[in-house]
Structures are given as C-alpha cells and as structure tokens.
Amino acid sequence: MTESPEIPLPGSIGLSHVRSYEWPAEDGLGGGSPHMHLACTEAYVVTHGRGAVQTLSTDGYREHELEPGAVAWFAPGTVHRMVQHEDLRVTVLMQNSGLPEAGDAVFTFPPEVLADPDSYAAAASIPREADEQETRAAAQRRRDLAVSGYLTLRESLRAGDAEPLREFHRAAVRLVGPEVDRWRKLWRRGALATAEHTGARLDRLAEGDPADLENSEVCLAHPSRRDGYGVCGLRDEYEIPGATLPYGGE
C-alpha cells in the first residue's frame, strides 16, 4: 500500500471535508461564503447534520435541504451558498483537480469590489502569517462581504431581474481572464491526462494486452491539514494528486 500516492483519485477529482461555518450572517443564517465556479462542477455529499444549499442562476433562486445521504451538485455559473442548520458536514468533490484552488471560485462581493482586481484580492485573501483569532476574523469578514453581495443578487432575481447576476458573471470572467492559460496547463496535466491515460488503457485492452494489470496499486491518504478556513467552512484537505489543496492565503 502506497502512503504517498502518485496516482490521482478517480476521474482526477478534488476532495475535501467541510464543516459549515456557524457564524450568523446579516440575514441571521450561519454558513459559508456564496460563490460560483467558472470551469468546474462541484458536488456536496452530506455525511452529517442538517442544512441547505441556496443557489442563484438565470432561472432564479432555489433552496434545497441537505441531510445525510443527500448529494447536490451544480454546474459552473451557479452561485451557491451552504447554509448551516445543525452541525452540517459534507464531503466536497470538485471537477478538474486543482482548478478550484487556482482561482476558479469567485465570491459574490459587491460590484465595486469585483470591479477592481486589487480590492477583490484583498477581500478574498486570508493572511498566511496570522494567529487563530486574526485568521478567523478574516474568514468571517470575507464570508460576510460575499453574503452582502449575494443578498442583493437574490433580491433582484426574486423581483424578476436577472441582469445583476449576468453582470456578476461578466465581472467574474474579467477577474479570472489572466489566469485561464495557467488553468489550461493544470487541466492538461490533471483531468485531461487522466482521461487520455484511460483511452490508452482501453486501446491495450482491445489488443488483448494485460500488461497494465501488473501495475496495480492501493493508496491510502489522511488529511494533511484539518480545520483550515475554507470558503464554506472549516476544511480538512489532502495532499494527493487531484485532491483539494489550500486556497491561496488559507
């Protein structure tokens, strides 16, 4: 059994475990920072407790209850907010391995913050060299600022106006534009390489070649860090290929 695995998780997914924040936001609900992904589908596998996921799309506002055994997933462009009711814990599965931690998560900050890359970066970051109290305060400020922008988007959608959400999409694309070439390299080394490896294996199987089966491997990993301050809550993360690594500054 390999303790430091060199092979990715199935499909080159990213993996983490999250315990949703309990801090109440301005609407009285505890939970995570509303955000969206631009290139990755995300899934919540609920393992404990109760909560909800609130989503915004051009189709409107939705809320789905979360309880153990539920699986919720959302495509790129879906704004999502994890809401805490009672000790909610989820396993998070992320498409495209390292892309989410390379910046493919844009917070629903107010438009004036989204309009300025430096202001956005300052609001989104958590200081690396800080004590526990400062780190927690930074994570809560980030969450609260994202909720503030999110509630404005939600009220517009409820009033039948999707234009503010579309403008958020446009602002997010402008923010991440300079990073896309770097993302493409990560995708090629991760998810694409994994899919191409499967294709090559299928070719060998079709030829009747069993050689790949002699290179089997069993891997085991444990969290490399527990209770880091993630986007949605306190997060356990793994340092294995394709697994969810720390967001910048966390």
C-alpha atoms as a PDB file:
ATOM      1  CA  MET A   1       0.000   0.000   0.000  1.00  0.00           C
ATOM      2  CA  THR A   2       1.365   3.390  -1.001  1.00  0.00           C
ATOM      3  CA  GLU A   3       1.276   6.059   1.703  1.00  0.00           C
ATOM      4  CA  SER A   4       2.322   8.877  -0.665  1.00  0.00           C
ATOM      5  CA  PRO A   5       0.178   8.074  -3.712  1.00  0.00           C
ATOM      6  CA  GLU A   6       1.325   9.060  -7.172  1.00  0.00           C
ATOM      7  CA  ILE A   7      -1.966   8.269  -8.900  1.00  0.00           C
ATOM      8  CA  PRO A   8      -4.957  10.645  -8.870  1.00  0.00           C
ATOM      9  CA  LEU A   9      -8.320   9.975  -7.331  1.00  0.00           C
ATOM     10  CA  PRO A  10     -10.955   8.555  -9.711  1.00  0.00           C
ATOM     11  CA  GLY A  11     -11.543  10.979 -12.564  1.00  0.00           C
ATOM     12  CA  SER A  12      -8.818  13.258 -11.184  1.00  0.00           C
ATOM     13  CA  ILE A  13     -11.321  14.847  -8.824  1.00  0.00           C
ATOM     14  CA  GLY A  14     -10.519  17.095  -5.904  1.00  0.00           C
ATOM     15  CA  LEU A  15     -11.613  16.106  -2.405  1.00  0.00           C
ATOM     16  CA  SER A  16     -12.109  17.802   0.937  1.00  0.00           C
ATOM     17  CA  HIS A  17     -14.325  17.530   4.003  1.00  0.00           C
ATOM     18  CA  VAL A  18     -16.129  20.644   5.211  1.00  0.00           C
ATOM     19  CA  ARG A  19     -17.880  21.540   8.462  1.00  0.00           C
ATOM     20  CA  SER A  20     -20.070  24.518   7.618  1.00  0.00           C
ATOM     21  CA  TYR A  21     -19.461  27.771   9.473  1.00  0.00           C
ATOM     22  CA  GLU A  22     -21.925  28.562  12.234  1.00  0.00           C
ATOM     23  CA  TRP A  23     -21.347  32.336  12.356  1.00  0.00           C
ATOM     24  CA  PRO A  24     -24.659  34.145  11.663  1.00  0.00           C
ATOM     25  CA  ALA A  25     -24.623  36.453   8.643  1.00  0.00           C
ATOM     26  CA  GLU A  26     -26.671  39.619   8.195  1.00  0.00           C
ATOM     27  CA  ASP A  27     -29.795  37.597   7.366  1.00  0.00           C
ATOM     28  CA  GLY A  28     -29.379  35.558  10.559  1.00  0.00           C
ATOM     29  CA  LEU A  29     -28.253  32.349   8.838  1.00  0.00           C
ATOM     30  CA  GLY A  30     -24.985  30.581   9.553  1.00  0.00           C
ATOM     31  CA  GLY A  31     -22.994  29.050   6.726  1.00  0.00           C
ATOM     32  CA  GLY A  32     -20.394  29.607   4.058  1.00  0.00           C
ATOM     33  CA  SER A  33     -19.365  32.283   1.578  1.00  0.00           C
ATOM     34  CA  PRO A  34     -21.594  32.446  -1.522  1.00  0.00           C
ATOM     35  CA  HIS A  35     -19.521  31.981  -4.681  1.00  0.00           C
ATOM     36  CA  MET A  36     -19.502  30.329  -8.074  1.00  0.00           C
ATOM     37  CA  HIS A  37     -17.055  28.357 -10.199  1.00  0.00           C
ATOM     38  CA  LEU A  38     -16.324  29.239 -13.798  1.00  0.00           C
ATOM     39  CA  ALA A  39     -14.922  25.948 -15.127  1.00  0.00           C
ATOM     40  CA  CYS A  40     -15.737  23.243 -12.575  1.00  0.00           C
ATOM     41  CA  THR A  41     -18.774  21.318 -11.397  1.00  0.00           C
ATOM     42  CA  GLU A  42     -18.902  20.884  -7.608  1.00  0.00           C
ATOM     43  CA  ALA A  43     -20.754  18.265  -5.551  1.00  0.00           C
ATOM     44  CA  TYR A  44     -21.748  18.080  -1.884  1.00  0.00           C
ATOM     45  CA  VAL A  45     -22.094  14.611  -0.355  1.00  0.00           C
ATOM     46  CA  VAL A  46     -23.792  15.153   3.005  1.00  0.00           C
ATOM     47  CA  THR A  47     -22.338  12.988   5.757  1.00  0.00           C
ATOM     48  CA  HIS A  48     -23.704  14.532   8.954  1.00  0.00           C
ATOM     49  CA  GLY A  49     -26.163  17.062  10.319  1.00  0.00           C
ATOM     50  CA  ARG A  50     -28.649  19.279   8.549  1.00  0.00           C
ATOM     51  CA  GLY A  51     -28.511  22.353   6.382  1.00  0.00           C
ATOM     52  CA  ALA A  52     -29.346  23.669   2.949  1.00  0.00           C
ATOM     53  CA  VAL A  53     -27.762  24.860  -0.259  1.00  0.00           C
ATOM     54  CA  GLN A  54     -29.108  28.061  -1.768  1.00  0.00           C
ATOM     55  CA  THR A  55     -28.439  28.657  -5.463  1.00  0.00           C
ATOM     56  CA  LEU A  56     -28.787  31.527  -7.915  1.00  0.00           C
ATOM     57  CA  SER A  57     -28.934  31.076 -11.676  1.00  0.00           C
ATOM     58  CA  THR A  58     -30.623  32.917 -14.512  1.00  0.00           C
ATOM     59  CA  ASP A  59     -33.549  30.559 -13.865  1.00  0.00           C
ATOM     60  CA  GLY A  60     -33.965  32.098 -10.416  1.00  0.00           C
ATOM     61  CA  TYR A  61     -33.390  31.364  -6.733  1.00  0.00           C
ATOM     62  CA  ARG A  62     -33.613  27.835  -5.324  1.00  0.00           C
ATOM     63  CA  GLU A  63     -33.065  26.281  -1.897  1.00  0.00           C
ATOM     64  CA  HIS A  64     -32.561  22.558  -1.292  1.00  0.00           C
ATOM     65  CA  GLU A  65     -32.466  20.885   2.112  1.00  0.00           C
ATOM     66  CA  LEU A  66     -29.361  18.851   2.958  1.00  0.00           C
ATOM     67  CA  GLU A  67     -29.359  15.790   5.207  1.00  0.00           C
ATOM     68  CA  PRO A  68     -27.138  12.692   5.460  1.00  0.00           C
ATOM     69  CA  GLY A  69     -27.152  10.749   2.216  1.00  0.00           C
ATOM     70  CA  ALA A  70     -28.132  13.708   0.026  1.00  0.00           C
ATOM     71  CA  VAL A  71     -25.903  14.626  -2.911  1.00  0.00           C
ATOM     72  CA  ALA A  72     -26.185  18.054  -4.517  1.00  0.00           C
ATOM     73  CA  TRP A  73     -24.102  19.292  -7.434  1.00  0.00           C
ATOM     74  CA  PHE A  74     -24.022  22.433  -9.513  1.00  0.00           C
ATOM     75  CA  ALA A  75     -22.596  23.402 -12.873  1.00  0.00           C
ATOM     76  CA  PRO A  76     -20.242  26.335 -13.492  1.00  0.00           C
ATOM     77  CA  GLY A  77     -22.060  29.660 -13.287  1.00  0.00           C
ATOM     78  CA  THR A  78     -24.333  28.580 -10.419  1.00  0.00           C
ATOM     79  CA  VAL A  79     -23.921  30.792  -7.364  1.00  0.00           C
ATOM     80  CA  HIS A  80     -24.167  28.570  -4.299  1.00  0.00           C
ATOM     81  CA  ARG A  81     -24.292  29.176  -0.574  1.00  0.00           C
ATOM     82  CA  MET A  82     -24.004  26.449   2.058  1.00  0.00           C
ATOM     83  CA  VAL A  83     -26.365  27.134   4.982  1.00  0.00           C
ATOM     84  CA  GLN A  84     -25.858  25.654   8.437  1.00  0.00           C
ATOM     85  CA  HIS A  85     -28.814  24.335  10.435  1.00  0.00           C
ATOM     86  CA  GLU A  86     -27.367  21.668  12.721  1.00  0.00           C
ATOM     87  CA  ASP A  87     -23.708  20.550  12.583  1.00  0.00           C
ATOM     88  CA  LEU A  88     -23.737  20.231   8.783  1.00  0.00           C
ATOM     89  CA  ARG A  89     -20.759  18.316   7.371  1.00  0.00           C
ATOM     90  CA  VAL A  90     -20.175  17.441   3.750  1.00  0.00           C
ATOM     91  CA  THR A  91     -17.581  15.771   1.579  1.00  0.00           C
ATOM     92  CA  VAL A  92     -16.860  18.101  -1.324  1.00  0.00           C
ATOM     93  CA  LEU A  93     -15.973  16.640  -4.731  1.00  0.00           C
ATOM     94  CA  MET A  94     -14.510  19.028  -7.292  1.00  0.00           C
ATOM     95  CA  GLN A  95     -14.089  18.542 -11.010  1.00  0.00           C
ATOM     96  CA  ASN A  96     -10.721  19.184 -12.702  1.00  0.00           C
ATOM     97  CA  SER A  97      -8.479  18.561  -9.698  1.00  0.00           C
ATOM     98  CA  GLY A  98      -6.556  21.725  -8.844  1.00  0.00           C
ATOM     99  CA  LEU A  99      -8.510  24.321 -10.814  1.00  0.00           C
ATOM    100  CA  PRO A 100     -10.747  25.481  -7.946  1.00  0.00           C
ATOM    101  CA  GLU A 101      -7.706  26.281  -5.816  1.00  0.00           C
ATOM    102  CA  ALA A 102      -6.088  28.049  -8.777  1.00  0.00           C
ATOM    103  CA  GLY A 103      -8.769  30.727  -8.641  1.00  0.00           C
ATOM    104  CA  ASP A 104     -11.847  29.064 -10.144  1.00  0.00           C
ATOM    105  CA  ALA A 105     -14.038  30.323  -7.323  1.00  0.00           C
ATOM    106  CA  VAL A 106     -15.317  33.903  -7.418  1.00  0.00           C
ATOM    107  CA  PHE A 107     -17.047  35.354  -4.369  1.00  0.00           C
ATOM    108  CA  THR A 108     -20.259  37.361  -4.691  1.00  0.00           C
ATOM    109  CA  PHE A 109     -18.668  40.527  -3.379  1.00  0.00           C
ATOM    110  CA  PRO A 110     -20.400  43.859  -4.127  1.00  0.00           C
ATOM    111  CA  PRO A 111     -19.825  45.265  -7.640  1.00  0.00           C
ATOM    112  CA  GLU A 112     -17.322  47.924  -6.537  1.00  0.00           C
ATOM    113  CA  VAL A 113     -15.053  45.203  -5.125  1.00  0.00           C
ATOM    114  CA  LEU A 114     -15.424  42.964  -8.173  1.00  0.00           C
ATOM    115  CA  ALA A 115     -14.532  45.883 -10.449  1.00  0.00           C
ATOM    116  CA  ASP A 116     -11.021  46.243  -9.009  1.00  0.00           C
ATOM    117  CA  PRO A 117      -8.700  43.176  -9.039  1.00  0.00           C
ATOM    118  CA  ASP A 118      -6.594  44.505  -6.164  1.00  0.00           C
ATOM    119  CA  SER A 119      -9.622  45.191  -3.987  1.00  0.00           C
ATOM    120  CA  TYR A 120     -11.018  41.758  -4.825  1.00  0.00           C
ATOM    121  CA  ALA A 121      -7.743  40.012  -3.987  1.00  0.00           C
ATOM    122  CA  ALA A 122      -7.502  41.825  -0.651  1.00  0.00           C
ATOM    123  CA  ALA A 123     -11.078  40.942   0.280  1.00  0.00           C
ATOM    124  CA  ALA A 124     -10.713  37.286  -0.795  1.00  0.00           C
ATOM    125  CA  SER A 125      -7.388  36.536   0.897  1.00  0.00           C
ATOM    126  CA  ILE A 126      -6.686  35.277   4.379  1.00  0.00           C
ATOM    127  CA  PRO A 127      -3.284  36.277   5.822  1.00  0.00           C
ATOM    128  CA  ARG A 128      -0.744  33.463   5.868  1.00  0.00           C
ATOM    129  CA  GLU A 129       1.133  34.740   8.906  1.00  0.00           C
ATOM    130  CA  ALA A 130      -1.604  35.368  11.444  1.00  0.00           C
ATOM    131  CA  ASP A 131      -2.781  33.940  14.725  1.00  0.00           C
ATOM    132  CA  GLU A 132      -6.006  31.965  15.064  1.00  0.00           C
ATOM    133  CA  GLN A 133      -8.104  34.962  16.064  1.00  0.00           C
ATOM    134  CA  GLU A 134      -6.939  37.067  13.110  1.00  0.00           C
ATOM    135  CA  THR A 135      -7.421  34.181  10.662  1.00  0.00           C
ATOM    136  CA  ARG A 136     -10.942  33.513  11.888  1.00  0.00           C
ATOM    137  CA  ALA A 137     -11.806  37.224  11.713  1.00  0.00           C
ATOM    138  CA  ALA A 138     -10.524  37.451   8.117  1.00  0.00           C
ATOM    139  CA  ALA A 139     -12.552  34.387   7.092  1.00  0.00           C
ATOM    140  CA  GLN A 140     -15.679  35.828   8.675  1.00  0.00           C
ATOM    141  CA  ARG A 141     -15.180  39.236   7.036  1.00  0.00           C
ATOM    142  CA  ARG A 142     -14.805  37.524   3.673  1.00  0.00           C
ATOM    143  CA  ARG A 143     -17.946  35.460   4.237  1.00  0.00           C
ATOM    144  CA  ASP A 144     -19.961  38.489   5.357  1.00  0.00           C
ATOM    145  CA  LEU A 145     -18.895  40.575   2.351  1.00  0.00           C
ATOM    146  CA  ALA A 146     -19.852  37.740  -0.012  1.00  0.00           C
ATOM    147  CA  VAL A 147     -23.253  37.364   1.690  1.00  0.00           C
ATOM    148  CA  SER A 148     -23.864  41.106   1.323  1.00  0.00           C
ATOM    149  CA  GLY A 149     -23.391  40.951  -2.450  1.00  0.00           C
ATOM    150  CA  TYR A 150     -25.285  37.672  -2.677  1.00  0.00           C
ATOM    151  CA  LEU A 151     -28.400  39.024  -0.954  1.00  0.00           C
ATOM    152  CA  THR A 152     -28.562  41.891  -3.457  1.00  0.00           C
ATOM    153  CA  LEU A 153     -28.351  39.437  -6.365  1.00  0.00           C
ATOM    154  CA  ARG A 154     -31.020  37.252  -4.794  1.00  0.00           C
ATOM    155  CA  GLU A 155     -33.464  40.107  -4.292  1.00  0.00           C
ATOM    156  CA  SER A 156     -33.046  41.157  -7.923  1.00  0.00           C
ATOM    157  CA  LEU A 157     -33.780  37.616  -9.092  1.00  0.00           C
ATOM    158  CA  ARG A 158     -36.841  37.427  -6.865  1.00  0.00           C
ATOM    159  CA  ALA A 159     -38.037  40.642  -8.493  1.00  0.00           C
ATOM    160  CA  GLY A 160     -37.605  39.041 -11.913  1.00  0.00           C
ATOM    161  CA  ASP A 161     -34.416  40.901 -12.846  1.00  0.00           C
ATOM    162  CA  ALA A 162     -31.504  38.618 -13.824  1.00  0.00           C
ATOM    163  CA  GLU A 163     -29.294  41.430 -15.149  1.00  0.00           C
ATOM    164  CA  PRO A 164     -27.339  41.947 -11.873  1.00  0.00           C
ATOM    165  CA  LEU A 165     -26.487  38.223 -11.894  1.00  0.00           C
ATOM    166  CA  ARG A 166     -25.386  38.457 -15.528  1.00  0.00           C
ATOM    167  CA  GLU A 167     -23.197  41.434 -14.627  1.00  0.00           C
ATOM    168  CA  PHE A 168     -21.682  39.371 -11.814  1.00  0.00           C
ATOM    169  CA  HIS A 169     -20.896  36.669 -14.400  1.00  0.00           C
ATOM    170  CA  ARG A 170     -19.221  39.268 -16.626  1.00  0.00           C
ATOM    171  CA  ALA A 171     -17.222  40.709 -13.733  1.00  0.00           C
ATOM    172  CA  ALA A 172     -16.087  37.227 -12.703  1.00  0.00           C
ATOM    173  CA  VAL A 173     -14.894  36.449 -16.231  1.00  0.00           C
ATOM    174  CA  ARG A 174     -12.914  39.695 -16.299  1.00  0.00           C
ATOM    175  CA  LEU A 175     -11.298  38.841 -12.969  1.00  0.00           C
ATOM    176  CA  VAL A 176     -10.141  35.367 -13.961  1.00  0.00           C
ATOM    177  CA  GLY A 177      -9.242  36.091 -17.576  1.00  0.00           C
ATOM    178  CA  PRO A 178      -5.488  36.475 -16.919  1.00  0.00           C
ATOM    179  CA  GLU A 179      -5.429  33.039 -15.229  1.00  0.00           C
ATOM    180  CA  VAL A 180      -7.037  30.944 -17.956  1.00  0.00           C
ATOM    181  CA  ASP A 181      -3.783  29.941 -19.671  1.00  0.00           C
ATOM    182  CA  ARG A 182      -2.441  28.682 -16.335  1.00  0.00           C
ATOM    183  CA  TRP A 183      -5.686  26.797 -15.709  1.00  0.00           C
ATOM    184  CA  ARG A 184      -5.414  25.167 -19.107  1.00  0.00           C
ATOM    185  CA  LYS A 185      -1.975  23.789 -18.175  1.00  0.00           C
ATOM    186  CA  LEU A 186      -3.306  22.416 -14.874  1.00  0.00           C
ATOM    187  CA  TRP A 187      -6.253  20.809 -16.664  1.00  0.00           C
ATOM    188  CA  ARG A 188      -3.989  19.193 -19.249  1.00  0.00           C
ATOM    189  CA  ARG A 189      -1.702  17.767 -16.550  1.00  0.00           C
ATOM    190  CA  GLY A 190      -4.630  16.609 -14.427  1.00  0.00           C
ATOM    191  CA  ALA A 191      -8.101  15.755 -15.685  1.00  0.00           C
ATOM    192  CA  LEU A 192      -7.217  15.610 -19.391  1.00  0.00           C
ATOM    193  CA  ALA A 193      -4.122  13.482 -18.808  1.00  0.00           C
ATOM    194  CA  THR A 194      -6.190  11.086 -16.681  1.00  0.00           C
ATOM    195  CA  ALA A 195      -8.811  10.718 -19.416  1.00  0.00           C
ATOM    196  CA  GLU A 196      -6.151  10.180 -22.084  1.00  0.00           C
ATOM    197  CA  HIS A 197      -4.481   7.552 -19.881  1.00  0.00           C
ATOM    198  CA  THR A 198      -7.813   5.704 -19.747  1.00  0.00           C
ATOM    199  CA  GLY A 199      -8.065   5.885 -23.526  1.00  0.00           C
ATOM    200  CA  ALA A 200      -4.624   4.358 -23.912  1.00  0.00           C
ATOM    201  CA  ARG A 201      -5.532   1.609 -21.442  1.00  0.00           C
ATOM    202  CA  LEU A 202      -8.686   0.815 -23.414  1.00  0.00           C
ATOM    203  CA  ASP A 203      -6.602   0.539 -26.580  1.00  0.00           C
ATOM    204  CA  ARG A 204      -4.325  -2.005 -24.919  1.00  0.00           C
ATOM    205  CA  LEU A 205      -7.284  -3.969 -23.571  1.00  0.00           C
ATOM    206  CA  ALA A 206      -8.784  -4.071 -27.060  1.00  0.00           C
ATOM    207  CA  GLU A 207      -5.484  -5.533 -28.279  1.00  0.00           C
ATOM    208  CA  GLY A 208      -5.636  -8.208 -25.571  1.00  0.00           C
ATOM    209  CA  ASP A 209      -2.644  -6.756 -23.696  1.00  0.00           C
ATOM    210  CA  PRO A 210      -2.912  -7.375 -19.909  1.00  0.00           C
ATOM    211  CA  ALA A 211       0.389  -5.659 -19.016  1.00  0.00           C
ATOM    212  CA  ASP A 212      -1.286  -2.703 -17.279  1.00  0.00           C
ATOM    213  CA  LEU A 213      -2.886  -5.045 -14.764  1.00  0.00           C
ATOM    214  CA  GLU A 214       0.540  -5.906 -13.367  1.00  0.00           C
ATOM    215  CA  ASN A 215       0.986  -2.287 -12.275  1.00  0.00           C
ATOM    216  CA  SER A 216      -1.896  -2.228  -9.816  1.00  0.00           C
ATOM    217  CA  GLU A 217      -1.614  -0.120  -6.695  1.00  0.00           C
ATOM    218  CA  VAL A 218      -3.504   0.561  -3.483  1.00  0.00           C
ATOM    219  CA  CYS A 219      -3.196   4.034  -1.956  1.00  0.00           C
ATOM    220  CA  LEU A 220      -4.079   5.469   1.442  1.00  0.00           C
ATOM    221  CA  ALA A 221      -4.179   9.118   2.437  1.00  0.00           C
ATOM    222  CA  HIS A 222      -5.036  11.019   5.595  1.00  0.00           C
ATOM    223  CA  PRO A 223      -5.831  14.721   5.871  1.00  0.00           C
ATOM    224  CA  SER A 224      -2.704  16.824   5.584  1.00  0.00           C
ATOM    225  CA  ARG A 225      -4.422  19.677   7.404  1.00  0.00           C
ATOM    226  CA  ARG A 226      -7.569  19.809   9.470  1.00  0.00           C
ATOM    227  CA  ASP A 227      -9.946  22.690  10.117  1.00  0.00           C
ATOM    228  CA  GLY A 228      -8.451  25.137   7.634  1.00  0.00           C
ATOM    229  CA  TYR A 229     -10.603  28.189   6.926  1.00  0.00           C
ATOM    230  CA  GLY A 230     -12.171  27.331   3.582  1.00  0.00           C
ATOM    231  CA  VAL A 231     -14.826  29.054   1.502  1.00  0.00           C
ATOM    232  CA  CYS A 232     -17.810  27.217   3.010  1.00  0.00           C
ATOM    233  CA  GLY A 233     -16.496  26.146   6.385  1.00  0.00           C
ATOM    234  CA  LEU A 234     -13.695  24.516   8.337  1.00  0.00           C
ATOM    235  CA  ARG A 235     -11.991  22.168   5.902  1.00  0.00           C
ATOM    236  CA  ASP A 236      -9.895  19.006   6.027  1.00  0.00           C
ATOM    237  CA  GLU A 237      -7.706  18.727   2.935  1.00  0.00           C
ATOM    238  CA  TYR A 238      -5.405  16.198   1.291  1.00  0.00           C
ATOM    239  CA  GLU A 239      -2.039  16.447  -0.426  1.00  0.00           C
ATOM    240  CA  ILE A 240      -2.547  13.816  -3.103  1.00  0.00           C
ATOM    241  CA  PRO A 241      -2.733  14.152  -6.904  1.00  0.00           C
ATOM    242  CA  GLY A 242      -6.016  15.761  -7.906  1.00  0.00           C
ATOM    243  CA  ALA A 243      -7.056  16.427  -4.327  1.00  0.00           C
ATOM    244  CA  THR A 244      -8.223  19.755  -2.983  1.00  0.00           C
ATOM    245  CA  LEU A 245      -5.224  21.778  -1.838  1.00  0.00           C
ATOM    246  CA  PRO A 246      -5.298  25.024   0.143  1.00  0.00           C
ATOM    247  CA  TYR A 247      -6.813  28.094  -1.416  1.00  0.00           C
ATOM    248  CA  GLY A 248      -4.334  30.947  -1.633  1.00  0.00           C
ATOM    249  CA  GLY A 249      -3.841  32.535   1.736  1.00  0.00           C
ATOM    250  CA  GLU A 250      -5.687  29.859   3.688  1.00  0.00           C
END
